[in-house]
Amino acid sequence: MLPTRILRAAHGVPKKNITGFNMRHLKEATGTPRYDPWERTEAWRYQGPFTRWNRFKNGFPGLGIATVAFAGYCGYEYFFLGDEHHHGEGHH
């Protein structure tokens, strides 16, 4: 290692960039824009029938009706249908 680099490193002086490019200035300049020209044209994707809740709700059509029907059938089977298969008796 060159003695000048050792001295610079010991004193905490960063190495000079010969191109003049500063990454910190670039990151500050390219932050989030204050105005998005496409914001108005993209807004429809998140409003009305395309909200997150509506997309989730419409993703499973018939799930509510099927759940109620299945629960009704399970209740009917439990209360009204008898168990014709007695487990203690022989079948042969």
PDB file of N, CA and C in Angstrom:
ATOM      1  N   MET A   1       0.841  -1.158   0.000  1.00  0.00           N
ATOM      2  CA  MET A   1       0.000   0.000   0.000  1.00  0.00           C
ATOM      3  C   MET A   1       0.900   1.239   0.000  1.00  0.00           C
ATOM      4  N   LEU A   2       0.473   2.239  -0.690  1.00  0.00           N
ATOM      5  CA  LEU A   2       1.244   3.471  -0.779  1.00  0.00           C
ATOM      6  C   LEU A   2       1.186   4.242   0.532  1.00  0.00           C
ATOM      7  N   PRO A   3       2.262   4.935   0.869  1.00  0.00           N
ATOM      8  CA  PRO A   3       2.267   5.690   2.133  1.00  0.00           C
ATOM      9  C   PRO A   3       1.197   6.778   2.167  1.00  0.00           C
ATOM     10  N   THR A   4       0.875   7.377   1.018  1.00  0.00           N
ATOM     11  CA  THR A   4      -0.155   8.416   1.030  1.00  0.00           C
ATOM     12  C   THR A   4      -1.517   7.845   1.365  1.00  0.00           C
ATOM     13  N   ARG A   5      -1.800   6.663   0.888  1.00  0.00           N
ATOM     14  CA  ARG A   5      -3.078   6.018   1.226  1.00  0.00           C
ATOM     15  C   ARG A   5      -3.144   5.676   2.703  1.00  0.00           C
ATOM     16  N   ILE A   6      -2.043   5.242   3.250  1.00  0.00           N
ATOM     17  CA  ILE A   6      -2.007   4.901   4.674  1.00  0.00           C
ATOM     18  C   ILE A   6      -2.247   6.160   5.500  1.00  0.00           C
ATOM     19  N   LEU A   7      -1.608   7.259   5.123  1.00  0.00           N
ATOM     20  CA  LEU A   7      -1.795   8.504   5.860  1.00  0.00           C
ATOM     21  C   LEU A   7      -3.228   9.012   5.732  1.00  0.00           C
ATOM     22  N   ARG A   8      -3.800   8.953   4.533  1.00  0.00           N
ATOM     23  CA  ARG A   8      -5.177   9.389   4.338  1.00  0.00           C
ATOM     24  C   ARG A   8      -6.136   8.544   5.164  1.00  0.00           C
ATOM     25  N   ALA A   9      -5.928   7.229   5.178  1.00  0.00           N
ATOM     26  CA  ALA A   9      -6.793   6.328   5.936  1.00  0.00           C
ATOM     27  C   ALA A   9      -6.670   6.592   7.434  1.00  0.00           C
ATOM     28  N   ALA A  10      -5.482   6.936   7.897  1.00  0.00           N
ATOM     29  CA  ALA A  10      -5.268   7.197   9.315  1.00  0.00           C
ATOM     30  C   ALA A  10      -5.959   8.484   9.746  1.00  0.00           C
ATOM     31  N   HIS A  11      -6.039   9.461   8.877  1.00  0.00           N
ATOM     32  CA  HIS A  11      -6.660  10.732   9.219  1.00  0.00           C
ATOM     33  C   HIS A  11      -8.142  10.770   8.875  1.00  0.00           C
ATOM     34  N   GLY A  12      -8.685   9.740   8.264  1.00  0.00           N
ATOM     35  CA  GLY A  12     -10.103   9.694   7.950  1.00  0.00           C
ATOM     36  C   GLY A  12     -10.480  10.524   6.736  1.00  0.00           C
ATOM     37  N   VAL A  13      -9.544  10.889   5.908  1.00  0.00           N
ATOM     38  CA  VAL A  13      -9.824  11.674   4.714  1.00  0.00           C
ATOM     39  C   VAL A  13     -10.223  10.699   3.604  1.00  0.00           C
ATOM     40  N   PRO A  14     -11.421  10.851   3.043  1.00  0.00           N
ATOM     41  CA  PRO A  14     -11.818   9.919   1.982  1.00  0.00           C
ATOM     42  C   PRO A  14     -11.039  10.181   0.698  1.00  0.00           C
ATOM     43  N   LYS A  15     -10.927   9.148  -0.099  1.00  0.00           N
ATOM     44  CA  LYS A  15     -10.217   9.252  -1.369  1.00  0.00           C
ATOM     45  C   LYS A  15     -11.028  10.130  -2.319  1.00  0.00           C
ATOM     46  N   LYS A  16     -10.381  11.064  -2.964  1.00  0.00           N
ATOM     47  CA  LYS A  16     -11.033  11.981  -3.888  1.00  0.00           C
ATOM     48  C   LYS A  16     -11.444  11.218  -5.140  1.00  0.00           C
ATOM     49  N   ASN A  17     -12.680  11.439  -5.574  1.00  0.00           N
ATOM     50  CA  ASN A  17     -13.186  10.798  -6.776  1.00  0.00           C
ATOM     51  C   ASN A  17     -12.767  11.648  -7.968  1.00  0.00           C
ATOM     52  N   ILE A  18     -12.043  11.052  -8.903  1.00  0.00           N
ATOM     53  CA  ILE A  18     -11.518  11.846 -10.023  1.00  0.00           C
ATOM     54  C   ILE A  18     -12.593  12.211 -11.037  1.00  0.00           C
ATOM     55  N   THR A  19     -13.726  11.528 -11.020  1.00  0.00           N
ATOM     56  CA  THR A  19     -14.786  11.847 -11.978  1.00  0.00           C
ATOM     57  C   THR A  19     -15.663  12.989 -11.498  1.00  0.00           C
ATOM     58  N   GLY A  20     -15.628  13.295 -10.218  1.00  0.00           N
ATOM     59  CA  GLY A  20     -16.482  14.334  -9.675  1.00  0.00           C
ATOM     60  C   GLY A  20     -17.886  13.843  -9.365  1.00  0.00           C
ATOM     61  N   PHE A  21     -18.141  12.566  -9.539  1.00  0.00           N
ATOM     62  CA  PHE A  21     -19.459  11.984  -9.288  1.00  0.00           C
ATOM     63  C   PHE A  21     -19.620  11.739  -7.804  1.00  0.00           C
ATOM     64  N   ASN A  22     -20.714  12.229  -7.230  1.00  0.00           N
ATOM     65  CA  ASN A  22     -20.987  12.050  -5.813  1.00  0.00           C
ATOM     66  C   ASN A  22     -22.290  11.265  -5.675  1.00  0.00           C
ATOM     67  N   MET A  23     -22.195  10.066  -5.150  1.00  0.00           N
ATOM     68  CA  MET A  23     -23.354   9.196  -5.026  1.00  0.00           C
ATOM     69  C   MET A  23     -24.383   9.773  -4.056  1.00  0.00           C
ATOM     70  N   ARG A  24     -23.959  10.450  -3.013  1.00  0.00           N
ATOM     71  CA  ARG A  24     -24.889  11.034  -2.049  1.00  0.00           C
ATOM     72  C   ARG A  24     -25.767  12.091  -2.714  1.00  0.00           C
ATOM     73  N   HIS A  25     -25.180  12.933  -3.542  1.00  0.00           N
ATOM     74  CA  HIS A  25     -25.959  13.954  -4.238  1.00  0.00           C
ATOM     75  C   HIS A  25     -26.956  13.317  -5.205  1.00  0.00           C
ATOM     76  N   LEU A  26     -26.573  12.234  -5.857  1.00  0.00           N
ATOM     77  CA  LEU A  26     -27.484  11.552  -6.777  1.00  0.00           C
ATOM     78  C   LEU A  26     -28.680  10.973  -6.023  1.00  0.00           C
ATOM     79  N   LYS A  27     -28.445  10.333  -4.897  1.00  0.00           N
ATOM     80  CA  LYS A  27     -29.543   9.748  -4.114  1.00  0.00           C
ATOM     81  C   LYS A  27     -30.488  10.819  -3.596  1.00  0.00           C
ATOM     82  N   GLU A  28     -29.946  11.967  -3.195  1.00  0.00           N
ATOM     83  CA  GLU A  28     -30.803  13.057  -2.721  1.00  0.00           C
ATOM     84  C   GLU A  28     -31.639  13.634  -3.857  1.00  0.00           C
ATOM     85  N   ALA A  29     -31.056  13.705  -5.052  1.00  0.00           N
ATOM     86  CA  ALA A  29     -31.764  14.293  -6.187  1.00  0.00           C
ATOM     87  C   ALA A  29     -32.812  13.359  -6.774  1.00  0.00           C
ATOM     88  N   THR A  30     -32.612  12.051  -6.658  1.00  0.00           N
ATOM     89  CA  THR A  30     -33.530  11.094  -7.271  1.00  0.00           C
ATOM     90  C   THR A  30     -34.456  10.460  -6.247  1.00  0.00           C
ATOM     91  N   GLY A  31     -34.782  11.177  -5.190  1.00  0.00           N
ATOM     92  CA  GLY A  31     -35.703  10.656  -4.177  1.00  0.00           C
ATOM     93  C   GLY A  31     -37.106  10.528  -4.752  1.00  0.00           C
ATOM     94  N   THR A  32     -38.075  10.391  -3.880  1.00  0.00           N
ATOM     95  CA  THR A  32     -39.465  10.277  -4.304  1.00  0.00           C
ATOM     96  C   THR A  32     -39.907  11.592  -4.944  1.00  0.00           C
ATOM     97  N   PRO A  33     -40.472  11.542  -6.131  1.00  0.00           N
ATOM     98  CA  PRO A  33     -40.894  12.794  -6.771  1.00  0.00           C
ATOM     99  C   PRO A  33     -42.065  13.428  -6.026  1.00  0.00           C
ATOM    100  N   ARG A  34     -42.090  14.748  -6.001  1.00  0.00           N
ATOM    101  CA  ARG A  34     -43.184  15.453  -5.326  1.00  0.00           C
ATOM    102  C   ARG A  34     -44.466  15.345  -6.130  1.00  0.00           C
ATOM    103  N   TYR A  35     -44.353  15.237  -7.431  1.00  0.00           N
ATOM    104  CA  TYR A  35     -45.524  15.164  -8.280  1.00  0.00           C
ATOM    105  C   TYR A  35     -45.383  13.971  -9.215  1.00  0.00           C
ATOM    106  N   ASP A  36     -46.372  13.115  -9.209  1.00  0.00           N
ATOM    107  CA  ASP A  36     -46.368  11.959 -10.095  1.00  0.00           C
ATOM    108  C   ASP A  36     -47.358  12.221 -11.231  1.00  0.00           C
ATOM    109  N   PRO A  37     -46.896  12.377 -12.462  1.00  0.00           N
ATOM    110  CA  PRO A  37     -47.821  12.686 -13.549  1.00  0.00           C
ATOM    111  C   PRO A  37     -48.774  11.541 -13.876  1.00  0.00           C
ATOM    112  N   TRP A  38     -48.453  10.331 -13.467  1.00  0.00           N
ATOM    113  CA  TRP A  38     -49.312   9.181 -13.766  1.00  0.00           C
ATOM    114  C   TRP A  38     -50.255   8.849 -12.628  1.00  0.00           C
ATOM    115  N   GLU A  39     -50.214   9.615 -11.545  1.00  0.00           N
ATOM    116  CA  GLU A  39     -51.030   9.290 -10.369  1.00  0.00           C
ATOM    117  C   GLU A  39     -52.520   9.277 -10.687  1.00  0.00           C
ATOM    118  N   ARG A  40     -53.000  10.246 -11.418  1.00  0.00           N
ATOM    119  CA  ARG A  40     -54.432  10.322 -11.728  1.00  0.00           C
ATOM    120  C   ARG A  40     -54.866   9.176 -12.632  1.00  0.00           C
ATOM    121  N   THR A  41     -54.027   8.783 -13.581  1.00  0.00           N
ATOM    122  CA  THR A  41     -54.421   7.714 -14.502  1.00  0.00           C
ATOM    123  C   THR A  41     -54.309   6.334 -13.868  1.00  0.00           C
ATOM    124  N   GLU A  42     -53.541   6.214 -12.800  1.00  0.00           N
ATOM    125  CA  GLU A  42     -53.410   4.927 -12.124  1.00  0.00           C
ATOM    126  C   GLU A  42     -54.370   4.774 -10.942  1.00  0.00           C
ATOM    127  N   ALA A  43     -55.075   5.843 -10.580  1.00  0.00           N
ATOM    128  CA  ALA A  43     -55.921   5.823  -9.387  1.00  0.00           C
ATOM    129  C   ALA A  43     -57.078   4.846  -9.512  1.00  0.00           C
ATOM    130  N   TRP A  44     -57.566   4.591 -10.706  1.00  0.00           N
ATOM    131  CA  TRP A  44     -58.717   3.694 -10.875  1.00  0.00           C
ATOM    132  C   TRP A  44     -58.407   2.284 -10.410  1.00  0.00           C
ATOM    133  N   ARG A  45     -57.141   1.919 -10.381  1.00  0.00           N
ATOM    134  CA  ARG A  45     -56.773   0.551  -9.974  1.00  0.00           C
ATOM    135  C   ARG A  45     -57.058   0.274  -8.502  1.00  0.00           C
ATOM    136  N   TYR A  46     -57.221   1.333  -7.707  1.00  0.00           N
ATOM    137  CA  TYR A  46     -57.381   1.161  -6.269  1.00  0.00           C
ATOM    138  C   TYR A  46     -58.674   1.775  -5.748  1.00  0.00           C
ATOM    139  N   GLN A  47     -59.639   2.027  -6.613  1.00  0.00           N
ATOM    140  CA  GLN A  47     -60.903   2.623  -6.204  1.00  0.00           C
ATOM    141  C   GLN A  47     -62.066   1.786  -6.716  1.00  0.00           C
ATOM    142  N   GLY A  48     -63.229   1.983  -6.099  1.00  0.00           N
ATOM    143  CA  GLY A  48     -64.449   1.328  -6.564  1.00  0.00           C
ATOM    144  C   GLY A  48     -64.384  -0.181  -6.468  1.00  0.00           C
ATOM    145  N   PRO A  49     -64.662  -0.880  -7.569  1.00  0.00           N
ATOM    146  CA  PRO A  49     -64.678  -2.343  -7.506  1.00  0.00           C
ATOM    147  C   PRO A  49     -63.282  -2.952  -7.418  1.00  0.00           C
ATOM    148  N   PHE A  50     -62.258  -2.137  -7.512  1.00  0.00           N
ATOM    149  CA  PHE A  50     -60.891  -2.671  -7.489  1.00  0.00           C
ATOM    150  C   PHE A  50     -60.179  -2.415  -6.172  1.00  0.00           C
ATOM    151  N   THR A  51     -60.932  -2.066  -5.113  1.00  0.00           N
ATOM    152  CA  THR A  51     -60.294  -1.890  -3.812  1.00  0.00           C
ATOM    153  C   THR A  51     -59.810  -3.251  -3.319  1.00  0.00           C
ATOM    154  N   ARG A  52     -58.946  -3.207  -2.341  1.00  0.00           N
ATOM    155  CA  ARG A  52     -58.361  -4.462  -1.829  1.00  0.00           C
ATOM    156  C   ARG A  52     -59.449  -5.395  -1.277  1.00  0.00           C
ATOM    157  N   TRP A  53     -60.443  -4.830  -0.552  1.00  0.00           N
ATOM    158  CA  TRP A  53     -61.500  -5.661   0.019  1.00  0.00           C
ATOM    159  C   TRP A  53     -62.348  -6.293  -1.076  1.00  0.00           C
ATOM    160  N   ASN A  54     -62.696  -5.510  -2.086  1.00  0.00           N
ATOM    161  CA  ASN A  54     -63.531  -6.051  -3.164  1.00  0.00           C
ATOM    162  C   ASN A  54     -62.794  -7.112  -3.965  1.00  0.00           C
ATOM    163  N   ARG A  55     -61.506  -6.923  -4.164  1.00  0.00           N
ATOM    164  CA  ARG A  55     -60.739  -7.955  -4.876  1.00  0.00           C
ATOM    165  C   ARG A  55     -60.687  -9.246  -4.062  1.00  0.00           C
ATOM    166  N   PHE A  56     -60.537  -9.132  -2.739  1.00  0.00           N
ATOM    167  CA  PHE A  56     -60.523 -10.326  -1.887  1.00  0.00           C
ATOM    168  C   PHE A  56     -61.889 -10.992  -1.853  1.00  0.00           C
ATOM    169  N   LYS A  57     -62.932 -10.166  -1.702  1.00  0.00           N
ATOM    170  CA  LYS A  57     -64.295 -10.695  -1.603  1.00  0.00           C
ATOM    171  C   LYS A  57     -64.710 -11.395  -2.898  1.00  0.00           C
ATOM    172  N   ASN A  58     -64.364 -10.834  -4.023  1.00  0.00           N
ATOM    173  CA  ASN A  58     -64.746 -11.417  -5.306  1.00  0.00           C
ATOM    174  C   ASN A  58     -63.807 -12.536  -5.754  1.00  0.00           C
ATOM    175  N   GLY A  59     -62.764 -12.777  -4.990  1.00  0.00           N
ATOM    176  CA  GLY A  59     -61.832 -13.848  -5.343  1.00  0.00           C
ATOM    177  C   GLY A  59     -62.377 -15.234  -5.021  1.00  0.00           C
ATOM    178  N   PHE A  60     -63.374 -15.306  -4.132  1.00  0.00           N
ATOM    179  CA  PHE A  60     -63.957 -16.592  -3.726  1.00  0.00           C
ATOM    180  C   PHE A  60     -65.468 -16.542  -3.893  1.00  0.00           C
ATOM    181  N   PRO A  61     -65.967 -16.536  -5.111  1.00  0.00           N
ATOM    182  CA  PRO A  61     -67.418 -16.437  -5.287  1.00  0.00           C
ATOM    183  C   PRO A  61     -68.112 -17.707  -4.793  1.00  0.00           C
ATOM    184  N   GLY A  62     -69.192 -17.538  -4.072  1.00  0.00           N
ATOM    185  CA  GLY A  62     -69.973 -18.675  -3.594  1.00  0.00           C
ATOM    186  C   GLY A  62     -69.464 -19.287  -2.308  1.00  0.00           C
ATOM    187  N   LEU A  63     -68.371 -18.788  -1.761  1.00  0.00           N
ATOM    188  CA  LEU A  63     -67.826 -19.393  -0.542  1.00  0.00           C
ATOM    189  C   LEU A  63     -68.779 -19.220   0.634  1.00  0.00           C
ATOM    190  N   GLY A  64     -69.415 -18.066   0.757  1.00  0.00           N
ATOM    191  CA  GLY A  64     -70.344 -17.837   1.869  1.00  0.00           C
ATOM    192  C   GLY A  64     -71.553 -18.741   1.796  1.00  0.00           C
ATOM    193  N   ILE A  65     -72.157 -18.854   0.620  1.00  0.00           N
ATOM    194  CA  ILE A  65     -73.331 -19.717   0.446  1.00  0.00           C
ATOM    195  C   ILE A  65     -72.953 -21.181   0.675  1.00  0.00           C
ATOM    196  N   ALA A  66     -71.802 -21.575   0.180  1.00  0.00           N
ATOM    197  CA  ALA A  66     -71.370 -22.966   0.345  1.00  0.00           C
ATOM    198  C   ALA A  66     -71.110 -23.289   1.812  1.00  0.00           C
ATOM    199  N   THR A  67     -70.552 -22.350   2.557  1.00  0.00           N
ATOM    200  CA  THR A  67     -70.278 -22.580   3.980  1.00  0.00           C
ATOM    201  C   THR A  67     -71.577 -22.747   4.760  1.00  0.00           C
ATOM    202  N   VAL A  68     -72.551 -21.905   4.494  1.00  0.00           N
ATOM    203  CA  VAL A  68     -73.846 -22.003   5.181  1.00  0.00           C
ATOM    204  C   VAL A  68     -74.546 -23.309   4.808  1.00  0.00           C
ATOM    205  N   ALA A  69     -74.524 -23.679   3.542  1.00  0.00           N
ATOM    206  CA  ALA A  69     -75.173 -24.924   3.109  1.00  0.00           C
ATOM    207  C   ALA A  69     -74.507 -26.147   3.741  1.00  0.00           C
ATOM    208  N   PHE A  70     -73.185 -26.144   3.816  1.00  0.00           N
ATOM    209  CA  PHE A  70     -72.473 -27.273   4.408  1.00  0.00           C
ATOM    210  C   PHE A  70     -72.766 -27.372   5.901  1.00  0.00           C
ATOM    211  N   ALA A  71     -72.796 -26.227   6.587  1.00  0.00           N
ATOM    212  CA  ALA A  71     -73.105 -26.240   8.020  1.00  0.00           C
ATOM    213  C   ALA A  71     -74.535 -26.712   8.247  1.00  0.00           C
ATOM    214  N   GLY A  72     -75.471 -26.298   7.386  1.00  0.00           N
ATOM    215  CA  GLY A  72     -76.858 -26.766   7.497  1.00  0.00           C
ATOM    216  C   GLY A  72     -76.961 -28.268   7.287  1.00  0.00           C
ATOM    217  N   TYR A  73     -76.246 -28.796   6.315  1.00  0.00           N
ATOM    218  CA  TYR A  73     -76.276 -30.237   6.068  1.00  0.00           C
ATOM    219  C   TYR A  73     -75.672 -31.002   7.243  1.00  0.00           C
ATOM    220  N   CYS A  74     -74.578 -30.504   7.790  1.00  0.00           N
ATOM    221  CA  CYS A  74     -73.962 -31.185   8.931  1.00  0.00           C
ATOM    222  C   CYS A  74     -74.914 -31.201  10.126  1.00  0.00           C
ATOM    223  N   GLY A  75     -75.621 -30.076  10.347  1.00  0.00           N
ATOM    224  CA  GLY A  75     -76.607 -30.039  11.434  1.00  0.00           C
ATOM    225  C   GLY A  75     -77.753 -31.003  11.194  1.00  0.00           C
ATOM    226  N   TYR A  76     -78.268 -31.059   9.959  1.00  0.00           N
ATOM    227  CA  TYR A  76     -79.354 -31.985   9.617  1.00  0.00           C
ATOM    228  C   TYR A  76     -78.913 -33.424   9.827  1.00  0.00           C
ATOM    229  N   GLU A  77     -77.719 -33.758   9.372  1.00  0.00           N
ATOM    230  CA  GLU A  77     -77.214 -35.117   9.508  1.00  0.00           C
ATOM    231  C   GLU A  77     -77.050 -35.489  10.982  1.00  0.00           C
ATOM    232  N   TYR A  78     -76.568 -34.567  11.788  1.00  0.00           N
ATOM    233  CA  TYR A  78     -76.338 -34.855  13.201  1.00  0.00           C
ATOM    234  C   TYR A  78     -77.651 -35.061  13.955  1.00  0.00           C
ATOM    235  N   PHE A  79     -78.666 -34.229  13.698  1.00  0.00           N
ATOM    236  CA  PHE A  79     -79.893 -34.283  14.481  1.00  0.00           C
ATOM    237  C   PHE A  79     -80.946 -35.231  13.928  1.00  0.00           C
ATOM    238  N   PHE A  80     -81.043 -35.386  12.609  1.00  0.00           N
ATOM    239  CA  PHE A  80     -82.174 -36.128  12.033  1.00  0.00           C
ATOM    240  C   PHE A  80     -81.824 -37.486  11.441  1.00  0.00           C
ATOM    241  N   LEU A  81     -80.627 -37.697  11.029  1.00  0.00           N
ATOM    242  CA  LEU A  81     -80.268 -39.000  10.452  1.00  0.00           C
ATOM    243  C   LEU A  81     -79.662 -39.870  11.540  1.00  0.00           C
ATOM    244  N   GLY A  82     -80.212 -41.044  11.693  1.00  0.00           N
ATOM    245  CA  GLY A  82     -79.718 -41.952  12.720  1.00  0.00           C
ATOM    246  C   GLY A  82     -78.507 -42.726  12.218  1.00  0.00           C
ATOM    247  N   ASP A  83     -77.713 -43.174  13.164  1.00  0.00           N
ATOM    248  CA  ASP A  83     -76.543 -43.971  12.804  1.00  0.00           C
ATOM    249  C   ASP A  83     -76.998 -45.420  12.673  1.00  0.00           C
ATOM    250  N   GLU A  84     -77.156 -45.888  11.451  1.00  0.00           N
ATOM    251  CA  GLU A  84     -77.646 -47.239  11.208  1.00  0.00           C
ATOM    252  C   GLU A  84     -76.572 -48.295  11.391  1.00  0.00           C
ATOM    253  N   HIS A  85     -75.372 -47.862  11.474  1.00  0.00           N
ATOM    254  CA  HIS A  85     -74.257 -48.795  11.611  1.00  0.00           C
ATOM    255  C   HIS A  85     -73.839 -48.823  13.080  1.00  0.00           C
ATOM    256  N   HIS A  86     -74.285 -49.865  13.808  1.00  0.00           N
ATOM    257  CA  HIS A  86     -73.944 -49.987  15.223  1.00  0.00           C
ATOM    258  C   HIS A  86     -72.612 -50.685  15.331  1.00  0.00           C
ATOM    259  N   HIS A  87     -71.733 -50.104  16.084  1.00  0.00           N
ATOM    260  CA  HIS A  87     -70.359 -50.592  16.094  1.00  0.00           C
ATOM    261  C   HIS A  87     -70.145 -51.791  17.003  1.00  0.00           C
ATOM    262  N   GLY A  88     -71.041 -52.123  17.886  1.00  0.00           N
ATOM    263  CA  GLY A  88     -70.812 -53.212  18.827  1.00  0.00           C
ATOM    264  C   GLY A  88     -71.290 -54.566  18.336  1.00  0.00           C
ATOM    265  N   GLU A  89     -72.081 -54.614  17.287  1.00  0.00           N
ATOM    266  CA  GLU A  89     -72.661 -55.874  16.859  1.00  0.00           C
ATOM    267  C   GLU A  89     -71.876 -56.499  15.727  1.00  0.00           C
ATOM    268  N   GLY A  90     -71.996 -57.819  15.618  1.00  0.00           N
ATOM    269  CA  GLY A  90     -71.359 -58.527  14.521  1.00  0.00           C
ATOM    270  C   GLY A  90     -72.206 -58.448  13.262  1.00  0.00           C
ATOM    271  N   HIS A  91     -71.597 -58.477  12.100  1.00  0.00           N
ATOM    272  CA  HIS A  91     -72.332 -58.319  10.851  1.00  0.00           C
ATOM    273  C   HIS A  91     -72.374 -59.597  10.024  1.00  0.00           C
ATOM    274  N   HIS A  92     -71.787 -60.630  10.470  1.00  0.00           N
ATOM    275  CA  HIS A  92     -71.707 -61.817   9.624  1.00  0.00           C
ATOM    276  C   HIS A  92     -72.726 -62.833   9.978  1.00  0.00           C
TER     277      HIS A  92
END
